[in-house]
Amino acid sequence: MHISTTETIPGRRTTGLCGVAMGSTVRTKNVGKDIGASLKSLVGGELKSYSDMLVDARAQAMARMETQAAEMGADAIVNLRLTTSQVVGGAAELLAYGTAVTTEAE
């Protein structure tokens, strides 16, 4: 599946619109990781466990978006966007969404 943050896929022409494809995941770290992150925030620096969690969350949200787009009959997603939001204390949602389209080579 072709995925782009732009309105088009280079070398391909959009032939149909399937709709908005979305994929999301809600993630949280355990209490031990939260305590470690709180201590780390006192001295500064990267919160590696949270960075790793967000990398995994992005991958899962994008995979779910791709699956939904394929189920809609799309072979590409344009205008990809990623967003995060806090759901409850300590839990965050990562959402991937874009326009599912069909394309053909130019």
N, C-alpha and C. Protein backbone atom coordinates (compact mmCIF):
# COMPACT_ATOMS: atom_id res chain seq x y z
N MET A 1 0.84 -1.18 0.00
CA MET A 1 0.00 0.00 0.00
C MET A 1 0.89 1.24 0.00
N HIS A 2 0.57 2.18 -0.88
CA HIS A 2 1.28 3.45 -0.93
C HIS A 2 0.68 4.38 0.12
N ILE A 3 1.55 5.05 0.88
CA ILE A 3 1.08 5.99 1.90
C ILE A 3 1.88 7.28 1.76
N SER A 4 1.16 8.41 1.80
CA SER A 4 1.82 9.70 1.64
C SER A 4 1.16 10.75 2.53
N THR A 5 1.97 11.69 2.99
CA THR A 5 1.44 12.83 3.75
C THR A 5 0.96 13.93 2.79
N THR A 6 1.20 13.77 1.51
CA THR A 6 0.77 14.75 0.52
C THR A 6 -0.55 14.31 -0.12
N GLU A 7 -1.07 15.15 -1.02
CA GLU A 7 -2.36 14.87 -1.64
C GLU A 7 -2.28 13.85 -2.76
N THR A 8 -1.09 13.54 -3.22
CA THR A 8 -0.92 12.61 -4.33
C THR A 8 0.22 11.65 -4.05
N ILE A 9 0.26 10.57 -4.83
CA ILE A 9 1.36 9.62 -4.78
C ILE A 9 2.20 9.86 -6.04
N PRO A 10 3.48 10.22 -5.91
CA PRO A 10 4.29 10.47 -7.10
C PRO A 10 4.27 9.26 -8.06
N GLY A 11 4.05 9.55 -9.34
CA GLY A 11 4.03 8.50 -10.34
C GLY A 11 2.72 7.75 -10.45
N ARG A 12 1.72 8.15 -9.66
CA ARG A 12 0.42 7.47 -9.69
C ARG A 12 -0.70 8.51 -9.81
N ARG A 13 -1.75 8.13 -10.47
CA ARG A 13 -2.91 9.01 -10.62
C ARG A 13 -4.04 8.44 -9.77
N THR A 14 -4.71 9.31 -9.02
CA THR A 14 -5.84 8.89 -8.19
C THR A 14 -7.04 8.61 -9.10
N THR A 15 -7.64 7.41 -8.94
CA THR A 15 -8.77 7.04 -9.79
C THR A 15 -10.07 6.90 -9.01
N GLY A 16 -10.00 6.84 -7.70
CA GLY A 16 -11.22 6.71 -6.91
C GLY A 16 -11.01 7.07 -5.46
N LEU A 17 -12.08 7.50 -4.84
CA LEU A 17 -12.07 7.88 -3.43
C LEU A 17 -12.84 6.82 -2.65
N CYS A 18 -12.22 6.23 -1.65
CA CYS A 18 -12.87 5.19 -0.85
C CYS A 18 -13.40 5.72 0.48
N GLY A 19 -12.81 6.79 0.98
CA GLY A 19 -13.25 7.37 2.25
C GLY A 19 -12.08 7.56 3.21
N VAL A 20 -12.39 7.91 4.43
CA VAL A 20 -11.37 8.13 5.45
C VAL A 20 -11.04 6.80 6.11
N ALA A 21 -9.77 6.48 6.15
CA ALA A 21 -9.29 5.28 6.83
C ALA A 21 -8.65 5.71 8.14
N MET A 22 -8.95 4.98 9.22
CA MET A 22 -8.42 5.33 10.53
C MET A 22 -7.91 4.09 11.24
N GLY A 23 -6.95 4.30 12.10
CA GLY A 23 -6.46 3.24 12.98
C GLY A 23 -6.00 3.90 14.26
N SER A 24 -6.32 3.29 15.39
CA SER A 24 -5.90 3.89 16.65
C SER A 24 -5.52 2.82 17.65
N THR A 25 -4.82 3.26 18.68
CA THR A 25 -4.47 2.40 19.81
C THR A 25 -4.36 3.29 21.04
N VAL A 26 -4.71 2.75 22.17
CA VAL A 26 -4.59 3.46 23.45
C VAL A 26 -3.53 2.72 24.26
N ARG A 27 -2.55 3.45 24.72
CA ARG A 27 -1.43 2.84 25.43
C ARG A 27 -1.21 3.50 26.78
N THR A 28 -0.66 2.71 27.70
CA THR A 28 -0.26 3.22 29.01
C THR A 28 0.97 2.45 29.46
N LYS A 29 1.77 3.04 30.28
CA LYS A 29 2.92 2.37 30.89
C LYS A 29 2.54 1.93 32.29
N ASN A 30 3.28 0.96 32.81
CA ASN A 30 2.98 0.49 34.16
C ASN A 30 3.49 1.48 35.21
N VAL A 31 3.06 1.29 36.42
CA VAL A 31 3.39 2.21 37.51
C VAL A 31 4.90 2.34 37.69
N GLY A 32 5.62 1.26 37.60
CA GLY A 32 7.08 1.30 37.75
C GLY A 32 7.73 2.22 36.72
N LYS A 33 7.28 2.13 35.48
CA LYS A 33 7.82 3.00 34.42
C LYS A 33 7.43 4.46 34.68
N ASP A 34 6.22 4.69 35.19
CA ASP A 34 5.79 6.06 35.49
C ASP A 34 6.65 6.68 36.59
N ILE A 35 6.97 5.90 37.61
CA ILE A 35 7.82 6.40 38.70
C ILE A 35 9.21 6.73 38.16
N GLY A 36 9.75 5.82 37.34
CA GLY A 36 11.06 6.06 36.74
C GLY A 36 11.06 7.31 35.87
N ALA A 37 9.99 7.50 35.09
CA ALA A 37 9.88 8.68 34.23
C ALA A 37 9.78 9.95 35.07
N SER A 38 9.05 9.88 36.18
CA SER A 38 8.93 11.04 37.06
C SER A 38 10.29 11.44 37.62
N LEU A 39 11.08 10.45 38.03
CA LEU A 39 12.42 10.74 38.55
C LEU A 39 13.32 11.31 37.45
N LYS A 40 13.22 10.74 36.26
CA LYS A 40 14.02 11.22 35.14
C LYS A 40 13.68 12.66 34.79
N SER A 41 12.42 13.03 34.95
CA SER A 41 12.01 14.40 34.61
C SER A 41 12.65 15.43 35.53
N LEU A 42 13.14 15.01 36.68
CA LEU A 42 13.81 15.93 37.59
C LEU A 42 15.16 16.38 37.04
N VAL A 43 15.83 15.49 36.31
CA VAL A 43 17.16 15.81 35.79
C VAL A 43 17.15 16.10 34.30
N GLY A 44 16.07 15.78 33.62
CA GLY A 44 15.96 16.04 32.19
C GLY A 44 16.47 14.88 31.36
N GLY A 45 16.16 14.92 30.10
CA GLY A 45 16.61 13.89 29.17
C GLY A 45 15.44 13.12 28.59
N GLU A 46 15.76 12.24 27.66
CA GLU A 46 14.74 11.45 26.98
C GLU A 46 14.14 10.41 27.91
N LEU A 47 12.84 10.24 27.81
CA LEU A 47 12.13 9.18 28.53
C LEU A 47 12.03 8.00 27.56
N LYS A 48 13.10 7.20 27.52
CA LYS A 48 13.25 6.15 26.51
C LYS A 48 12.08 5.18 26.49
N SER A 49 11.58 4.78 27.64
CA SER A 49 10.48 3.82 27.66
C SER A 49 9.23 4.40 27.00
N TYR A 50 9.01 5.70 27.17
CA TYR A 50 7.86 6.35 26.53
C TYR A 50 8.10 6.53 25.02
N SER A 51 9.31 6.86 24.66
CA SER A 51 9.63 6.98 23.23
C SER A 51 9.40 5.64 22.53
N ASP A 52 9.87 4.57 23.14
CA ASP A 52 9.67 3.23 22.57
C ASP A 52 8.19 2.89 22.47
N MET A 53 7.43 3.24 23.51
CA MET A 53 6.00 2.96 23.51
C MET A 53 5.31 3.70 22.35
N LEU A 54 5.69 4.94 22.11
CA LEU A 54 5.07 5.71 21.04
C LEU A 54 5.46 5.20 19.65
N VAL A 55 6.68 4.72 19.50
CA VAL A 55 7.09 4.10 18.23
C VAL A 55 6.20 2.89 17.94
N ASP A 56 6.01 2.04 18.94
CA ASP A 56 5.14 0.86 18.78
C ASP A 56 3.70 1.27 18.52
N ALA A 57 3.22 2.28 19.22
CA ALA A 57 1.84 2.74 19.05
C ALA A 57 1.62 3.29 17.64
N ARG A 58 2.57 4.07 17.13
CA ARG A 58 2.45 4.58 15.76
C ARG A 58 2.38 3.44 14.75
N ALA A 59 3.24 2.46 14.92
CA ALA A 59 3.26 1.33 13.99
C ALA A 59 1.92 0.58 14.03
N GLN A 60 1.38 0.36 15.21
CA GLN A 60 0.11 -0.36 15.32
C GLN A 60 -1.04 0.46 14.75
N ALA A 61 -1.09 1.74 15.04
CA ALA A 61 -2.16 2.59 14.52
C ALA A 61 -2.10 2.65 12.99
N MET A 62 -0.91 2.76 12.43
CA MET A 62 -0.77 2.80 10.98
C MET A 62 -1.15 1.46 10.34
N ALA A 63 -0.78 0.36 10.98
CA ALA A 63 -1.15 -0.95 10.45
C ALA A 63 -2.67 -1.12 10.45
N ARG A 64 -3.33 -0.67 11.50
CA ARG A 64 -4.79 -0.75 11.56
C ARG A 64 -5.44 0.13 10.51
N MET A 65 -4.85 1.32 10.26
CA MET A 65 -5.36 2.20 9.22
C MET A 65 -5.21 1.55 7.85
N GLU A 66 -4.06 0.94 7.59
CA GLU A 66 -3.83 0.26 6.32
C GLU A 66 -4.82 -0.88 6.11
N THR A 67 -5.08 -1.63 7.17
CA THR A 67 -6.03 -2.74 7.09
C THR A 67 -7.41 -2.22 6.73
N GLN A 68 -7.84 -1.15 7.38
CA GLN A 68 -9.15 -0.58 7.08
C GLN A 68 -9.21 -0.07 5.64
N ALA A 69 -8.15 0.58 5.19
CA ALA A 69 -8.13 1.08 3.81
C ALA A 69 -8.21 -0.07 2.81
N ALA A 70 -7.49 -1.14 3.06
CA ALA A 70 -7.54 -2.30 2.16
C ALA A 70 -8.94 -2.91 2.13
N GLU A 71 -9.59 -2.97 3.30
CA GLU A 71 -10.96 -3.49 3.36
C GLU A 71 -11.93 -2.61 2.57
N MET A 72 -11.59 -1.33 2.41
CA MET A 72 -12.41 -0.40 1.64
C MET A 72 -12.12 -0.50 0.14
N GLY A 73 -11.10 -1.29 -0.22
CA GLY A 73 -10.73 -1.45 -1.62
C GLY A 73 -9.65 -0.50 -2.09
N ALA A 74 -9.02 0.21 -1.19
CA ALA A 74 -7.99 1.18 -1.55
C ALA A 74 -6.64 0.51 -1.75
N ASP A 75 -5.81 1.14 -2.56
CA ASP A 75 -4.43 0.68 -2.69
C ASP A 75 -3.44 1.77 -2.26
N ALA A 76 -3.99 2.89 -1.76
CA ALA A 76 -3.14 3.98 -1.29
C ALA A 76 -3.88 4.81 -0.26
N ILE A 77 -3.10 5.53 0.55
CA ILE A 77 -3.64 6.48 1.52
C ILE A 77 -2.89 7.78 1.34
N VAL A 78 -3.64 8.86 1.13
CA VAL A 78 -3.02 10.17 0.98
C VAL A 78 -3.43 11.06 2.15
N ASN A 79 -2.68 12.13 2.33
CA ASN A 79 -2.93 13.08 3.43
C ASN A 79 -2.86 12.40 4.80
N LEU A 80 -1.90 11.51 4.98
CA LEU A 80 -1.72 10.84 6.27
C LEU A 80 -1.49 11.86 7.37
N ARG A 81 -2.16 11.66 8.49
CA ARG A 81 -1.96 12.48 9.68
C ARG A 81 -1.88 11.57 10.90
N LEU A 82 -1.11 12.00 11.88
CA LEU A 82 -1.00 11.30 13.16
C LEU A 82 -1.31 12.30 14.26
N THR A 83 -2.04 11.85 15.26
CA THR A 83 -2.36 12.73 16.38
C THR A 83 -2.40 11.91 17.66
N THR A 84 -2.15 12.57 18.77
CA THR A 84 -2.24 11.91 20.07
C THR A 84 -3.14 12.72 20.98
N SER A 85 -3.73 12.04 21.94
CA SER A 85 -4.53 12.73 22.94
C SER A 85 -4.54 11.89 24.22
N GLN A 86 -4.67 12.56 25.33
CA GLN A 86 -4.76 11.87 26.60
C GLN A 86 -6.20 11.39 26.78
N VAL A 87 -6.36 10.11 27.09
CA VAL A 87 -7.69 9.53 27.28
C VAL A 87 -8.08 9.61 28.75
N VAL A 88 -7.24 9.05 29.60
CA VAL A 88 -7.39 9.14 31.06
C VAL A 88 -5.98 9.32 31.62
N GLY A 89 -5.87 9.59 32.90
CA GLY A 89 -4.55 9.77 33.50
C GLY A 89 -3.61 8.64 33.17
N GLY A 90 -2.51 8.94 32.52
CA GLY A 90 -1.51 7.93 32.21
C GLY A 90 -1.75 7.14 30.94
N ALA A 91 -2.86 7.35 30.25
CA ALA A 91 -3.13 6.62 29.01
C ALA A 91 -3.30 7.62 27.86
N ALA A 92 -2.72 7.29 26.73
CA ALA A 92 -2.81 8.16 25.56
C ALA A 92 -3.26 7.36 24.35
N GLU A 93 -4.05 8.03 23.51
CA GLU A 93 -4.47 7.43 22.24
C GLU A 93 -3.59 7.99 21.14
N LEU A 94 -3.17 7.12 20.24
CA LEU A 94 -2.50 7.56 19.04
C LEU A 94 -3.40 7.19 17.88
N LEU A 95 -3.74 8.16 17.04
CA LEU A 95 -4.65 7.98 15.92
C LEU A 95 -3.92 8.29 14.62
N ALA A 96 -4.01 7.36 13.66
CA ALA A 96 -3.51 7.58 12.31
C ALA A 96 -4.72 7.64 11.39
N TYR A 97 -4.76 8.63 10.50
CA TYR A 97 -5.89 8.72 9.58
C TYR A 97 -5.45 9.36 8.28
N GLY A 98 -6.16 9.03 7.23
CA GLY A 98 -5.87 9.59 5.92
C GLY A 98 -6.99 9.23 4.97
N THR A 99 -6.88 9.71 3.74
CA THR A 99 -7.88 9.45 2.72
C THR A 99 -7.48 8.21 1.93
N ALA A 100 -8.35 7.20 1.97
CA ALA A 100 -8.11 5.96 1.24
C ALA A 100 -8.56 6.15 -0.21
N VAL A 101 -7.66 5.83 -1.15
CA VAL A 101 -7.93 6.04 -2.55
C VAL A 101 -7.48 4.83 -3.38
N THR A 102 -7.99 4.77 -4.62
CA THR A 102 -7.46 3.83 -5.58
C THR A 102 -6.60 4.63 -6.55
N THR A 103 -5.56 3.99 -7.06
CA THR A 103 -4.64 4.67 -7.96
C THR A 103 -4.25 3.75 -9.11
N GLU A 104 -3.63 4.36 -10.11
CA GLU A 104 -3.03 3.59 -11.20
C GLU A 104 -1.76 4.31 -11.63
N ALA A 105 -0.86 3.57 -12.25
CA ALA A 105 0.39 4.17 -12.71
C ALA A 105 0.11 5.21 -13.78
N GLU A 106 0.91 6.28 -13.77
CA GLU A 106 0.73 7.34 -14.78
C GLU A 106 1.39 6.93 -16.07
